[in-house]
Amino acid sequence: VQLQASGGGLVQTGGSLRLSCRVSGIRFSQFAVAWHREAPGKRREFVATVFNNGQTDYSDSVRGRFTISRDNTKSTVYLQMDSLTPEDTGLYSCNTAYNSNVYGQGTQVTVSS
């Protein structure tokens, strides 16, 4: 499995970003995909996941602000992030239920105050 994350950048508090995670090498539609983030000095933490049936789950810290979705025709999962705060700063990466140990290189999100 290979994962390519993109869409990160620098945004002000209250702004929005949309991340993409393109997955290849597996039957994408059959597997859940999750986003995680790693802030400086902190351990990687779960952000959101979308299951193969379209159901979603979120961490308490992002629920109501972030929306995860998937497009099986493009083998891509999206993370729409709204009302961003400096606490959302970090390296965002994705993984799949096919092999949860593989994350890809990630995309950096920086939220300025």
PDB file of N, CA and C in Angstrom:
ATOM      1  N   VAL A   1       0.848  -1.185   0.000  1.00  0.00           N
ATOM      2  CA  VAL A   1       0.000   0.000   0.000  1.00  0.00           C
ATOM      3  C   VAL A   1       0.891   1.246   0.000  1.00  0.00           C
ATOM      4  N   GLN A   2       0.458   2.273  -0.755  1.00  0.00           N
ATOM      5  CA  GLN A   2       1.147   3.557  -0.767  1.00  0.00           C
ATOM      6  C   GLN A   2       0.141   4.661  -0.497  1.00  0.00           C
ATOM      7  N   LEU A   3       0.562   5.652   0.293  1.00  0.00           N
ATOM      8  CA  LEU A   3      -0.322   6.748   0.649  1.00  0.00           C
ATOM      9  C   LEU A   3       0.362   8.078   0.360  1.00  0.00           C
ATOM     10  N   GLN A   4      -0.365   8.984  -0.281  1.00  0.00           N
ATOM     11  CA  GLN A   4       0.161  10.299  -0.633  1.00  0.00           C
ATOM     12  C   GLN A   4      -0.764  11.352  -0.053  1.00  0.00           C
ATOM     13  N   ALA A   5      -0.294  12.036   0.988  1.00  0.00           N
ATOM     14  CA  ALA A   5      -1.081  13.098   1.606  1.00  0.00           C
ATOM     15  C   ALA A   5      -0.691  14.449   1.026  1.00  0.00           C
ATOM     16  N   SER A   6      -1.677  15.332   0.887  1.00  0.00           N
ATOM     17  CA  SER A   6      -1.416  16.679   0.351  1.00  0.00           C
ATOM     18  C   SER A   6      -2.466  17.644   0.872  1.00  0.00           C
ATOM     19  N   GLY A   7      -2.238  18.937   0.627  1.00  0.00           N
ATOM     20  CA  GLY A   7      -3.216  19.956   0.976  1.00  0.00           C
ATOM     21  C   GLY A   7      -2.886  20.777   2.205  1.00  0.00           C
ATOM     22  N   GLY A   8      -1.814  20.459   2.886  1.00  0.00           N
ATOM     23  CA  GLY A   8      -1.445  21.216   4.064  1.00  0.00           C
ATOM     24  C   GLY A   8      -0.959  22.608   3.713  1.00  0.00           C
ATOM     25  N   GLY A   9      -0.731  23.410   4.749  1.00  0.00           N
ATOM     26  CA  GLY A   9      -0.242  24.765   4.530  1.00  0.00           C
ATOM     27  C   GLY A   9      -0.325  25.583   5.793  1.00  0.00           C
ATOM     28  N   LEU A  10      -0.134  26.897   5.614  1.00  0.00           N
ATOM     29  CA  LEU A  10      -0.195  27.855   6.716  1.00  0.00           C
ATOM     30  C   LEU A  10      -1.518  28.604   6.634  1.00  0.00           C
ATOM     31  N   VAL A  11      -2.242  28.636   7.747  1.00  0.00           N
ATOM     32  CA  VAL A  11      -3.547  29.297   7.777  1.00  0.00           C
ATOM     33  C   VAL A  11      -3.704  30.007   9.118  1.00  0.00           C
ATOM     34  N   GLN A  12      -4.505  31.053   9.141  1.00  0.00           N
ATOM     35  CA  GLN A  12      -4.760  31.775  10.385  1.00  0.00           C
ATOM     36  C   GLN A  12      -5.843  31.077  11.202  1.00  0.00           C
ATOM     37  N   THR A  13      -5.866  31.386  12.480  1.00  0.00           N
ATOM     38  CA  THR A  13      -6.910  30.858  13.356  1.00  0.00           C
ATOM     39  C   THR A  13      -8.286  31.178  12.785  1.00  0.00           C
ATOM     40  N   GLY A  14      -9.143  30.155  12.784  1.00  0.00           N
ATOM     41  CA  GLY A  14     -10.475  30.302  12.217  1.00  0.00           C
ATOM     42  C   GLY A  14     -10.570  29.933  10.758  1.00  0.00           C
ATOM     43  N   GLY A  15      -9.445  29.698  10.133  1.00  0.00           N
ATOM     44  CA  GLY A  15      -9.428  29.360   8.717  1.00  0.00           C
ATOM     45  C   GLY A  15      -9.736  27.896   8.452  1.00  0.00           C
ATOM     46  N   SER A  16      -9.651  27.534   7.168  1.00  0.00           N
ATOM     47  CA  SER A  16      -9.985  26.178   6.733  1.00  0.00           C
ATOM     48  C   SER A  16      -8.911  25.624   5.802  1.00  0.00           C
ATOM     49  N   LEU A  17      -8.806  24.330   5.783  1.00  0.00           N
ATOM     50  CA  LEU A  17      -7.955  23.613   4.839  1.00  0.00           C
ATOM     51  C   LEU A  17      -8.647  22.306   4.472  1.00  0.00           C
ATOM     52  N   ARG A  18      -8.318  21.804   3.291  1.00  0.00           N
ATOM     53  CA  ARG A  18      -8.832  20.506   2.871  1.00  0.00           C
ATOM     54  C   ARG A  18      -7.650  19.616   2.515  1.00  0.00           C
ATOM     55  N   LEU A  19      -7.496  18.539   3.257  1.00  0.00           N
ATOM     56  CA  LEU A  19      -6.419  17.591   3.005  1.00  0.00           C
ATOM     57  C   LEU A  19      -6.923  16.443   2.137  1.00  0.00           C
ATOM     58  N   SER A  20      -6.002  15.884   1.362  1.00  0.00           N
ATOM     59  CA  SER A  20      -6.309  14.714   0.531  1.00  0.00           C
ATOM     60  C   SER A  20      -5.324  13.608   0.836  1.00  0.00           C
ATOM     61  N   CYS A  21      -5.796  12.384   0.790  1.00  0.00           N
ATOM     62  CA  CYS A  21      -4.947  11.203   0.962  1.00  0.00           C
ATOM     63  C   CYS A  21      -5.253  10.248  -0.176  1.00  0.00           C
ATOM     64  N   ARG A  22      -4.329  10.156  -1.120  1.00  0.00           N
ATOM     65  CA  ARG A  22      -4.496   9.251  -2.263  1.00  0.00           C
ATOM     66  C   ARG A  22      -3.853   7.921  -1.914  1.00  0.00           C
ATOM     67  N   VAL A  23      -4.610   6.837  -2.071  1.00  0.00           N
ATOM     68  CA  VAL A  23      -4.158   5.496  -1.712  1.00  0.00           C
ATOM     69  C   VAL A  23      -4.012   4.653  -2.966  1.00  0.00           C
ATOM     70  N   SER A  24      -2.944   3.886  -3.051  1.00  0.00           N
ATOM     71  CA  SER A  24      -2.755   2.980  -4.183  1.00  0.00           C
ATOM     72  C   SER A  24      -2.213   1.642  -3.682  1.00  0.00           C
ATOM     73  N   GLY A  25      -2.362   0.623  -4.531  1.00  0.00           N
ATOM     74  CA  GLY A  25      -1.810  -0.681  -4.207  1.00  0.00           C
ATOM     75  C   GLY A  25      -2.758  -1.633  -3.510  1.00  0.00           C
ATOM     76  N   ILE A  26      -3.968  -1.168  -3.203  1.00  0.00           N
ATOM     77  CA  ILE A  26      -4.958  -2.030  -2.554  1.00  0.00           C
ATOM     78  C   ILE A  26      -6.329  -1.767  -3.176  1.00  0.00           C
ATOM     79  N   ARG A  27      -7.294  -2.638  -2.864  1.00  0.00           N
ATOM     80  CA  ARG A  27      -8.683  -2.396  -3.285  1.00  0.00           C
ATOM     81  C   ARG A  27      -9.275  -1.379  -2.323  1.00  0.00           C
ATOM     82  N   PHE A  28      -9.095  -0.130  -2.674  1.00  0.00           N
ATOM     83  CA  PHE A  28      -9.370   0.990  -1.779  1.00  0.00           C
ATOM     84  C   PHE A  28     -10.750   0.904  -1.134  1.00  0.00           C
ATOM     85  N   SER A  29     -11.759   0.557  -1.917  1.00  0.00           N
ATOM     86  CA  SER A  29     -13.137   0.618  -1.421  1.00  0.00           C
ATOM     87  C   SER A  29     -13.400  -0.368  -0.287  1.00  0.00           C
ATOM     88  N   GLN A  30     -12.522  -1.322  -0.094  1.00  0.00           N
ATOM     89  CA  GLN A  30     -12.752  -2.363   0.903  1.00  0.00           C
ATOM     90  C   GLN A  30     -12.206  -2.017   2.289  1.00  0.00           C
ATOM     91  N   PHE A  31     -11.474  -0.918   2.403  1.00  0.00           N
ATOM     92  CA  PHE A  31     -10.754  -0.663   3.644  1.00  0.00           C
ATOM     93  C   PHE A  31     -11.076   0.701   4.243  1.00  0.00           C
ATOM     94  N   ALA A  32     -11.113   0.727   5.569  1.00  0.00           N
ATOM     95  CA  ALA A  32     -11.201   1.996   6.276  1.00  0.00           C
ATOM     96  C   ALA A  32      -9.895   2.766   6.118  1.00  0.00           C
ATOM     97  N   VAL A  33     -10.004   4.086   6.134  1.00  0.00           N
ATOM     98  CA  VAL A  33      -8.843   4.971   6.063  1.00  0.00           C
ATOM     99  C   VAL A  33      -8.958   5.988   7.191  1.00  0.00           C
ATOM    100  N   ALA A  34      -7.852   6.282   7.822  1.00  0.00           N
ATOM    101  CA  ALA A  34      -7.862   7.202   8.955  1.00  0.00           C
ATOM    102  C   ALA A  34      -6.813   8.292   8.792  1.00  0.00           C
ATOM    103  N   TRP A  35      -7.120   9.452   9.366  1.00  0.00           N
ATOM    104  CA  TRP A  35      -6.156  10.544   9.470  1.00  0.00           C
ATOM    105  C   TRP A  35      -5.637  10.600  10.906  1.00  0.00           C
ATOM    106  N   HIS A  36      -4.350  10.913  11.015  1.00  0.00           N
ATOM    107  CA  HIS A  36      -3.705  11.096  12.306  1.00  0.00           C
ATOM    108  C   HIS A  36      -2.877  12.374  12.229  1.00  0.00           C
ATOM    109  N   ARG A  37      -2.463  12.880  13.371  1.00  0.00           N
ATOM    110  CA  ARG A  37      -1.587  14.043  13.363  1.00  0.00           C
ATOM    111  C   ARG A  37      -0.568  13.923  14.490  1.00  0.00           C
ATOM    112  N   GLU A  38       0.559  14.572  14.243  1.00  0.00           N
ATOM    113  CA  GLU A  38       1.642  14.570  15.225  1.00  0.00           C
ATOM    114  C   GLU A  38       2.099  16.005  15.422  1.00  0.00           C
ATOM    115  N   ALA A  39       1.851  16.526  16.614  1.00  0.00           N
ATOM    116  CA  ALA A  39       2.284  17.885  16.934  1.00  0.00           C
ATOM    117  C   ALA A  39       3.711  17.841  17.478  1.00  0.00           C
ATOM    118  N   PRO A  40       4.432  18.952  17.379  1.00  0.00           N
ATOM    119  CA  PRO A  40       5.804  18.990  17.886  1.00  0.00           C
ATOM    120  C   PRO A  40       5.861  18.584  19.358  1.00  0.00           C
ATOM    121  N   GLY A  41       6.707  17.608  19.681  1.00  0.00           N
ATOM    122  CA  GLY A  41       6.879  17.175  21.053  1.00  0.00           C
ATOM    123  C   GLY A  41       5.793  16.262  21.578  1.00  0.00           C
ATOM    124  N   LYS A  42       4.863  15.884  20.732  1.00  0.00           N
ATOM    125  CA  LYS A  42       3.754  15.031  21.170  1.00  0.00           C
ATOM    126  C   LYS A  42       3.697  13.762  20.329  1.00  0.00           C
ATOM    127  N   ARG A  43       3.006  12.780  20.854  1.00  0.00           N
ATOM    128  CA  ARG A  43       2.837  11.536  20.125  1.00  0.00           C
ATOM    129  C   ARG A  43       1.766  11.684  19.055  1.00  0.00           C
ATOM    130  N   ARG A  44       1.857  10.850  18.031  1.00  0.00           N
ATOM    131  CA  ARG A  44       0.846  10.831  16.985  1.00  0.00           C
ATOM    132  C   ARG A  44      -0.504  10.502  17.600  1.00  0.00           C
ATOM    133  N   GLU A  45      -1.558  11.210  17.165  1.00  0.00           N
ATOM    134  CA  GLU A  45      -2.889  10.961  17.698  1.00  0.00           C
ATOM    135  C   GLU A  45      -3.897  10.786  16.564  1.00  0.00           C
ATOM    136  N   PHE A  46      -4.919  10.016  16.854  1.00  0.00           N
ATOM    137  CA  PHE A  46      -5.998   9.778  15.908  1.00  0.00           C
ATOM    138  C   PHE A  46      -6.819  11.048  15.725  1.00  0.00           C
ATOM    139  N   VAL A  47      -7.228  11.303  14.465  1.00  0.00           N
ATOM    140  CA  VAL A  47      -8.059  12.468  14.169  1.00  0.00           C
ATOM    141  C   VAL A  47      -9.445  12.037  13.699  1.00  0.00           C
ATOM    142  N   ALA A  48      -9.483  11.218  12.652  1.00  0.00           N
ATOM    143  CA  ALA A  48     -10.771  10.812  12.090  1.00  0.00           C
ATOM    144  C   ALA A  48     -10.583   9.592  11.214  1.00  0.00           C
ATOM    145  N   THR A  49     -11.679   8.831  11.042  1.00  0.00           N
ATOM    146  CA  THR A  49     -11.634   7.679  10.161  1.00  0.00           C
ATOM    147  C   THR A  49     -12.942   7.569   9.386  1.00  0.00           C
ATOM    148  N   VAL A  50     -12.841   7.014   8.191  1.00  0.00           N
ATOM    149  CA  VAL A  50     -14.028   6.703   7.400  1.00  0.00           C
ATOM    150  C   VAL A  50     -13.946   5.228   7.036  1.00  0.00           C
ATOM    151  N   PHE A  51     -15.001   4.495   7.356  1.00  0.00           N
ATOM    152  CA  PHE A  51     -15.036   3.063   7.110  1.00  0.00           C
ATOM    153  C   PHE A  51     -15.450   2.778   5.669  1.00  0.00           C
ATOM    154  N   ASN A  52     -15.302   1.525   5.266  1.00  0.00           N
ATOM    155  CA  ASN A  52     -15.619   1.186   3.877  1.00  0.00           C
ATOM    156  C   ASN A  52     -17.108   1.353   3.583  1.00  0.00           C
ATOM    157  N   ASN A  53     -17.967   1.371   4.611  1.00  0.00           N
ATOM    158  CA  ASN A  53     -19.400   1.575   4.393  1.00  0.00           C
ATOM    159  C   ASN A  53     -19.795   3.051   4.485  1.00  0.00           C
ATOM    160  N   GLY A  54     -18.801   3.913   4.648  1.00  0.00           N
ATOM    161  CA  GLY A  54     -19.061   5.347   4.692  1.00  0.00           C
ATOM    162  C   GLY A  54     -19.249   5.916   6.082  1.00  0.00           C
ATOM    163  N   GLN A  55     -19.374   5.079   7.078  1.00  0.00           N
ATOM    164  CA  GLN A  55     -19.505   5.583   8.449  1.00  0.00           C
ATOM    165  C   GLN A  55     -18.213   6.266   8.867  1.00  0.00           C
ATOM    166  N   THR A  56     -18.347   7.225   9.747  1.00  0.00           N
ATOM    167  CA  THR A  56     -17.208   8.017  10.171  1.00  0.00           C
ATOM    168  C   THR A  56     -17.101   8.070  11.693  1.00  0.00           C
ATOM    169  N   ASP A  57     -15.900   8.403  12.155  1.00  0.00           N
ATOM    170  CA  ASP A  57     -15.675   8.598  13.579  1.00  0.00           C
ATOM    171  C   ASP A  57     -14.609   9.672  13.738  1.00  0.00           C
ATOM    172  N   TYR A  58     -14.698  10.427  14.823  1.00  0.00           N
ATOM    173  CA  TYR A  58     -13.794  11.551  15.039  1.00  0.00           C
ATOM    174  C   TYR A  58     -13.277  11.556  16.473  1.00  0.00           C
ATOM    175  N   SER A  59     -12.109  12.153  16.658  1.00  0.00           N
ATOM    176  CA  SER A  59     -11.653  12.402  18.010  1.00  0.00           C
ATOM    177  C   SER A  59     -12.496  13.532  18.597  1.00  0.00           C
ATOM    178  N   ASP A  60     -12.566  13.574  19.905  1.00  0.00           N
ATOM    179  CA  ASP A  60     -13.374  14.610  20.556  1.00  0.00           C
ATOM    180  C   ASP A  60     -12.860  16.010  20.221  1.00  0.00           C
ATOM    181  N   SER A  61     -11.561  16.145  20.000  1.00  0.00           N
ATOM    182  CA  SER A  61     -10.973  17.463  19.786  1.00  0.00           C
ATOM    183  C   SER A  61     -11.336  18.067  18.435  1.00  0.00           C
ATOM    184  N   VAL A  62     -11.773  17.253  17.477  1.00  0.00           N
ATOM    185  CA  VAL A  62     -12.080  17.791  16.149  1.00  0.00           C
ATOM    186  C   VAL A  62     -13.533  17.606  15.750  1.00  0.00           C
ATOM    187  N   ARG A  63     -14.282  16.822  16.523  1.00  0.00           N
ATOM    188  CA  ARG A  63     -15.677  16.554  16.161  1.00  0.00           C
ATOM    189  C   ARG A  63     -16.454  17.869  16.074  1.00  0.00           C
ATOM    190  N   GLY A  64     -17.193  18.011  14.983  1.00  0.00           N
ATOM    191  CA  GLY A  64     -17.965  19.226  14.758  1.00  0.00           C
ATOM    192  C   GLY A  64     -17.226  20.281  13.961  1.00  0.00           C
ATOM    193  N   ARG A  65     -15.912  20.139  13.812  1.00  0.00           N
ATOM    194  CA  ARG A  65     -15.111  21.090  13.038  1.00  0.00           C
ATOM    195  C   ARG A  65     -14.515  20.454  11.788  1.00  0.00           C
ATOM    196  N   PHE A  66     -14.186  19.169  11.872  1.00  0.00           N
ATOM    197  CA  PHE A  66     -13.578  18.447  10.756  1.00  0.00           C
ATOM    198  C   PHE A  66     -14.599  17.488  10.155  1.00  0.00           C
ATOM    199  N   THR A  67     -14.473  17.267   8.839  1.00  0.00           N
ATOM    200  CA  THR A  67     -15.333  16.308   8.147  1.00  0.00           C
ATOM    201  C   THR A  67     -14.479  15.418   7.262  1.00  0.00           C
ATOM    202  N   ILE A  68     -14.576  14.120   7.476  1.00  0.00           N
ATOM    203  CA  ILE A  68     -13.838  13.165   6.650  1.00  0.00           C
ATOM    204  C   ILE A  68     -14.792  12.553   5.631  1.00  0.00           C
ATOM    205  N   SER A  69     -14.281  12.324   4.432  1.00  0.00           N
ATOM    206  CA  SER A  69     -15.100  11.718   3.380  1.00  0.00           C
ATOM    207  C   SER A  69     -14.194  10.919   2.460  1.00  0.00           C
ATOM    208  N   ARG A  70     -14.802  10.108   1.610  1.00  0.00           N
ATOM    209  CA  ARG A  70     -14.006   9.299   0.683  1.00  0.00           C
ATOM    210  C   ARG A  70     -14.658   9.298  -0.684  1.00  0.00           C
ATOM    211  N   ASP A  71     -13.819   9.183  -1.701  1.00  0.00           N
ATOM    212  CA  ASP A  71     -14.266   9.046  -3.092  1.00  0.00           C
ATOM    213  C   ASP A  71     -13.621   7.775  -3.623  1.00  0.00           C
ATOM    214  N   ASN A  72     -14.389   6.697  -3.663  1.00  0.00           N
ATOM    215  CA  ASN A  72     -13.829   5.413  -4.076  1.00  0.00           C
ATOM    216  C   ASN A  72     -13.410   5.419  -5.553  1.00  0.00           C
ATOM    217  N   THR A  73     -13.996   6.287  -6.365  1.00  0.00           N
ATOM    218  CA  THR A  73     -13.624   6.343  -7.779  1.00  0.00           C
ATOM    219  C   THR A  73     -12.233   6.943  -7.959  1.00  0.00           C
ATOM    220  N   LYS A  74     -11.784   7.707  -6.959  1.00  0.00           N
ATOM    221  CA  LYS A  74     -10.459   8.332  -7.019  1.00  0.00           C
ATOM    222  C   LYS A  74      -9.493   7.742  -6.005  1.00  0.00           C
ATOM    223  N   SER A  75      -9.938   6.725  -5.253  1.00  0.00           N
ATOM    224  CA  SER A  75      -9.096   6.103  -4.214  1.00  0.00           C
ATOM    225  C   SER A  75      -8.518   7.164  -3.284  1.00  0.00           C
ATOM    226  N   THR A  76      -9.360   8.098  -2.909  1.00  0.00           N
ATOM    227  CA  THR A  76      -8.908   9.253  -2.134  1.00  0.00           C
ATOM    228  C   THR A  76      -9.833   9.508  -0.949  1.00  0.00           C
ATOM    229  N   VAL A  77      -9.230   9.863   0.160  1.00  0.00           N
ATOM    230  CA  VAL A  77      -9.958  10.302   1.350  1.00  0.00           C
ATOM    231  C   VAL A  77      -9.631  11.766   1.596  1.00  0.00           C
ATOM    232  N   TYR A  78     -10.650  12.521   1.974  1.00  0.00           N
ATOM    233  CA  TYR A  78     -10.491  13.953   2.217  1.00  0.00           C
ATOM    234  C   TYR A  78     -10.735  14.267   3.689  1.00  0.00           C
ATOM    235  N   LEU A  79     -10.078  15.318   4.150  1.00  0.00           N
ATOM    236  CA  LEU A  79     -10.331  15.827   5.494  1.00  0.00           C
ATOM    237  C   LEU A  79     -10.556  17.332   5.386  1.00  0.00           C
ATOM    238  N   GLN A  80     -11.817  17.731   5.505  1.00  0.00           N
ATOM    239  CA  GLN A  80     -12.158  19.150   5.506  1.00  0.00           C
ATOM    240  C   GLN A  80     -12.021  19.664   6.929  1.00  0.00           C
ATOM    241  N   MET A  81     -11.144  20.647   7.119  1.00  0.00           N
ATOM    242  CA  MET A  81     -10.867  21.174   8.445  1.00  0.00           C
ATOM    243  C   MET A  81     -11.311  22.622   8.516  1.00  0.00           C
ATOM    244  N   ASP A  82     -12.268  22.898   9.374  1.00  0.00           N
ATOM    245  CA  ASP A  82     -12.794  24.249   9.547  1.00  0.00           C
ATOM    246  C   ASP A  82     -12.537  24.730  10.977  1.00  0.00           C
ATOM    247  N   SER A  83     -12.662  26.035  11.173  1.00  0.00           N
ATOM    248  CA  SER A  83     -12.479  26.639  12.498  1.00  0.00           C
ATOM    249  C   SER A  83     -11.171  26.189  13.140  1.00  0.00           C
ATOM    250  N   LEU A  84     -10.113  26.266  12.367  1.00  0.00           N
ATOM    251  CA  LEU A  84      -8.812  25.790  12.830  1.00  0.00           C
ATOM    252  C   LEU A  84      -8.261  26.663  13.954  1.00  0.00           C
ATOM    253  N   THR A  85      -7.561  26.017  14.859  1.00  0.00           N
ATOM    254  CA  THR A  85      -6.902  26.704  15.971  1.00  0.00           C
ATOM    255  C   THR A  85      -5.428  26.302  15.988  1.00  0.00           C
ATOM    256  N   PRO A  86      -4.585  27.049  16.698  1.00  0.00           N
ATOM    257  CA  PRO A  86      -3.161  26.668  16.777  1.00  0.00           C
ATOM    258  C   PRO A  86      -2.952  25.248  17.318  1.00  0.00           C
ATOM    259  N   GLU A  87      -3.890  24.741  18.102  1.00  0.00           N
ATOM    260  CA  GLU A  87      -3.776  23.375  18.633  1.00  0.00           C
ATOM    261  C   GLU A  87      -3.924  22.318  17.541  1.00  0.00           C
ATOM    262  N   ASP A  88      -4.375  22.714  16.365  1.00  0.00           N
ATOM    263  CA  ASP A  88      -4.497  21.782  15.237  1.00  0.00           C
ATOM    264  C   ASP A  88      -3.201  21.674  14.439  1.00  0.00           C
ATOM    265  N   THR A  89      -2.208  22.461  14.789  1.00  0.00           N
ATOM    266  CA  THR A  89      -0.920  22.417  14.089  1.00  0.00           C
ATOM    267  C   THR A  89      -0.267  21.054  14.243  1.00  0.00           C
ATOM    268  N   GLY A  90       0.281  20.535  13.136  1.00  0.00           N
ATOM    269  CA  GLY A  90       0.967  19.262  13.193  1.00  0.00           C
ATOM    270  C   GLY A  90       1.169  18.659  11.815  1.00  0.00           C
ATOM    271  N   LEU A  91       1.833  17.521  11.817  1.00  0.00           N
ATOM    272  CA  LEU A  91       2.023  16.770  10.579  1.00  0.00           C
ATOM    273  C   LEU A  91       0.881  15.772  10.466  1.00  0.00           C
ATOM    274  N   TYR A  92       0.080  15.917   9.425  1.00  0.00           N
ATOM    275  CA  TYR A  92      -1.095  15.074   9.224  1.00  0.00           C
ATOM    276  C   TYR A  92      -0.749  13.955   8.239  1.00  0.00           C
ATOM    277  N   SER A  93      -1.034  12.735   8.634  1.00  0.00           N
ATOM    278  CA  SER A  93      -0.762  11.590   7.775  1.00  0.00           C
ATOM    279  C   SER A  93      -1.955  10.632   7.825  1.00  0.00           C
ATOM    280  N   CYS A  94      -2.000   9.731   6.857  1.00  0.00           N
ATOM    281  CA  CYS A  94      -3.115   8.803   6.784  1.00  0.00           C
ATOM    282  C   CYS A  94      -2.613   7.363   6.744  1.00  0.00           C
ATOM    283  N   ASN A  95      -3.469   6.461   7.161  1.00  0.00           N
ATOM    284  CA  ASN A  95      -3.161   5.043   7.055  1.00  0.00           C
ATOM    285  C   ASN A  95      -4.448   4.284   6.754  1.00  0.00           C
ATOM    286  N   THR A  96      -4.312   3.027   6.441  1.00  0.00           N
ATOM    287  CA  THR A  96      -5.478   2.218   6.087  1.00  0.00           C
ATOM    288  C   THR A  96      -5.566   1.003   6.991  1.00  0.00           C
ATOM    289  N   ALA A  97      -6.746   0.408   7.013  1.00  0.00           N
ATOM    290  CA  ALA A  97      -6.936  -0.817   7.779  1.00  0.00           C
ATOM    291  C   ALA A  97      -6.213  -1.996   7.132  1.00  0.00           C
ATOM    292  N   TYR A  98      -5.805  -1.822   5.865  1.00  0.00           N
ATOM    293  CA  TYR A  98      -5.061  -2.903   5.186  1.00  0.00           C
ATOM    294  C   TYR A  98      -3.743  -3.162   5.899  1.00  0.00           C
ATOM    295  N   ASN A  99      -3.040  -2.049   6.211  1.00  0.00           N
ATOM    296  CA  ASN A  99      -1.793  -2.161   6.982  1.00  0.00           C
ATOM    297  C   ASN A  99      -1.652  -0.874   7.777  1.00  0.00           C
ATOM    298  N   SER A 100      -2.075  -0.925   9.023  1.00  0.00           N
ATOM    299  CA  SER A 100      -2.132   0.290   9.831  1.00  0.00           C
ATOM    300  C   SER A 100      -0.755   0.817  10.206  1.00  0.00           C
ATOM    301  N   ASN A 101       0.301   0.066   9.915  1.00  0.00           N
ATOM    302  CA  ASN A 101       1.656   0.530  10.232  1.00  0.00           C
ATOM    303  C   ASN A 101       2.236   1.435   9.155  1.00  0.00           C
ATOM    304  N   VAL A 102       1.580   1.531   8.005  1.00  0.00           N
ATOM    305  CA  VAL A 102       2.078   2.334   6.898  1.00  0.00           C
ATOM    306  C   VAL A 102       1.318   3.646   6.853  1.00  0.00           C
ATOM    307  N   TYR A 103       2.044   4.786   6.972  1.00  0.00           N
ATOM    308  CA  TYR A 103       1.409   6.102   7.063  1.00  0.00           C
ATOM    309  C   TYR A 103       1.672   7.017   5.880  1.00  0.00           C
ATOM    310  N   GLY A 104       2.715   6.813   5.132  1.00  0.00           N
ATOM    311  CA  GLY A 104       3.036   7.807   4.115  1.00  0.00           C
ATOM    312  C   GLY A 104       3.769   8.994   4.732  1.00  0.00           C
ATOM    313  N   GLN A 105       4.142   9.972   3.881  1.00  0.00           N
ATOM    314  CA  GLN A 105       5.036  11.027   4.345  1.00  0.00           C
ATOM    315  C   GLN A 105       4.326  12.149   5.074  1.00  0.00           C
ATOM    316  N   GLY A 106       3.032  12.302   4.934  1.00  0.00           N
ATOM    317  CA  GLY A 106       2.287  13.316   5.652  1.00  0.00           C
ATOM    318  C   GLY A 106       2.327  14.682   4.986  1.00  0.00           C
ATOM    319  N   THR A 107       1.489  15.588   5.497  1.00  0.00           N
ATOM    320  CA  THR A 107       1.444  16.964   5.021  1.00  0.00           C
ATOM    321  C   THR A 107       1.339  17.884   6.239  1.00  0.00           C
ATOM    322  N   GLN A 108       2.121  18.965   6.225  1.00  0.00           N
ATOM    323  CA  GLN A 108       2.223  19.846   7.383  1.00  0.00           C
ATOM    324  C   GLN A 108       1.091  20.872   7.400  1.00  0.00           C
ATOM    325  N   VAL A 109       0.458  20.996   8.558  1.00  0.00           N
ATOM    326  CA  VAL A 109      -0.568  22.014   8.787  1.00  0.00           C
ATOM    327  C   VAL A 109      -0.082  22.926   9.908  1.00  0.00           C
ATOM    328  N   THR A 110      -0.044  24.219   9.626  1.00  0.00           N
ATOM    329  CA  THR A 110       0.369  25.189  10.629  1.00  0.00           C
ATOM    330  C   THR A 110      -0.707  26.257  10.754  1.00  0.00           C
ATOM    331  N   VAL A 111      -1.211  26.425  11.973  1.00  0.00           N
ATOM    332  CA  VAL A 111      -2.261  27.412  12.231  1.00  0.00           C
ATOM    333  C   VAL A 111      -1.670  28.511  13.108  1.00  0.00           C
ATOM    334  N   SER A 112      -1.659  29.716  12.578  1.00  0.00           N
ATOM    335  CA  SER A 112      -1.089  30.845  13.319  1.00  0.00           C
ATOM    336  C   SER A 112      -2.167  31.539  14.150  1.00  0.00           C
ATOM    337  N   SER A 113      -1.728  32.098  15.268  1.00  0.00           N
ATOM    338  CA  SER A 113      -2.692  32.783  16.165  1.00  0.00           C
ATOM    339  C   SER A 113      -2.841  34.251  15.806  1.00  0.00           C
TER     340      SER A 113
END
